[in-house]
């Protein structure tokens, strides 16, 4: 019984270490992509996009609009 408990604790600790490592890696990847400036103003002959609010979005679909 004691051996099984020690193995379970060891597996849990390794799982937590792996989860923390995975979370830190995701954080660094996220920061790297934030610095790419994907949303800079377009240069040259670009088409301007107009933003329209969705309003009552689910109900407009049901009405066929």
Protein backbone atom coordinates (compact mmCIF):
# COMPACT_ATOMS: atom_id res chain seq x y z
CA UNK A 1 0.00 0.00 0.00
CA UNK A 2 2.76 2.43 0.92
CA UNK A 3 4.62 1.65 -2.31
CA UNK A 4 1.53 2.47 -4.39
CA UNK A 5 1.07 5.75 -2.54
CA UNK A 6 4.69 6.78 -3.17
CA UNK A 7 4.34 5.92 -6.87
CA UNK A 8 1.10 7.92 -7.11
CA UNK A 9 2.72 10.93 -5.45
CA UNK A 10 5.74 10.66 -7.75
CA UNK A 11 3.49 10.51 -10.84
CA UNK A 12 1.47 13.49 -9.57
CA UNK A 13 4.63 15.56 -8.99
CA UNK A 14 5.97 14.74 -12.48
CA UNK A 15 2.59 15.63 -13.97
CA UNK A 16 2.60 19.00 -12.20
CA UNK A 17 6.17 19.72 -13.34
CA UNK A 18 5.22 18.85 -16.92
CA UNK A 19 2.04 20.97 -16.77
CA UNK A 20 3.98 23.96 -15.42
CA UNK A 21 6.65 23.56 -18.11
CA UNK A 22 3.95 23.36 -20.81
CA UNK A 23 2.22 26.48 -19.44
CA UNK A 24 5.47 28.47 -19.37
CA UNK A 25 6.24 27.40 -22.96
CA UNK A 26 2.78 28.51 -24.09
CA UNK A 27 3.28 31.84 -22.33
CA UNK A 28 6.58 32.48 -24.15
CA UNK A 29 5.08 31.45 -27.51
CA UNK A 30 2.12 33.79 -26.92
CA UNK A 31 4.45 36.70 -26.11
CA UNK A 32 6.50 35.98 -29.23
CA UNK A 33 3.40 36.17 -31.43
CA UNK A 34 2.20 39.37 -29.73
CA UNK A 35 5.39 41.11 -30.83
CA UNK A 36 4.79 40.34 -34.53
CA UNK A 37 2.59 43.45 -35.02
CA UNK A 38 0.07 41.61 -37.16
CA UNK A 39 -2.39 44.49 -37.03
CA UNK A 40 -0.25 47.34 -38.30
CA UNK A 41 -1.85 49.74 -40.77
CA UNK A 42 -1.59 48.41 -44.32
CA UNK A 43 0.81 50.09 -46.70
CA UNK A 44 0.25 50.69 -50.40
CA UNK A 45 -2.99 50.17 -52.36
CA UNK A 46 -4.96 48.33 -49.66
CA UNK A 47 -8.73 47.96 -49.37
CA UNK A 48 -10.30 49.57 -46.31
CA UNK A 49 -12.44 47.21 -44.24
CA UNK A 50 -15.61 48.58 -42.66
CA UNK A 51 -16.61 47.21 -39.26
CA UNK A 52 -20.33 46.68 -38.73
CA UNK A 53 -21.80 45.58 -35.43
CA UNK A 54 -23.65 42.29 -35.37
CA UNK A 55 -26.71 43.66 -33.54
CA UNK A 56 -29.09 40.83 -32.69
CA UNK A 57 -26.89 38.28 -34.38
CA UNK A 58 -28.67 34.98 -33.57
CA UNK A 59 -32.11 36.36 -34.42
CA UNK A 60 -30.99 37.83 -37.77
CA UNK A 61 -29.87 34.40 -38.91
CA UNK A 62 -33.24 32.91 -38.02
CA UNK A 63 -35.01 35.65 -40.03
CA UNK A 64 -32.80 34.97 -43.05
CA UNK A 65 -31.03 38.32 -43.00
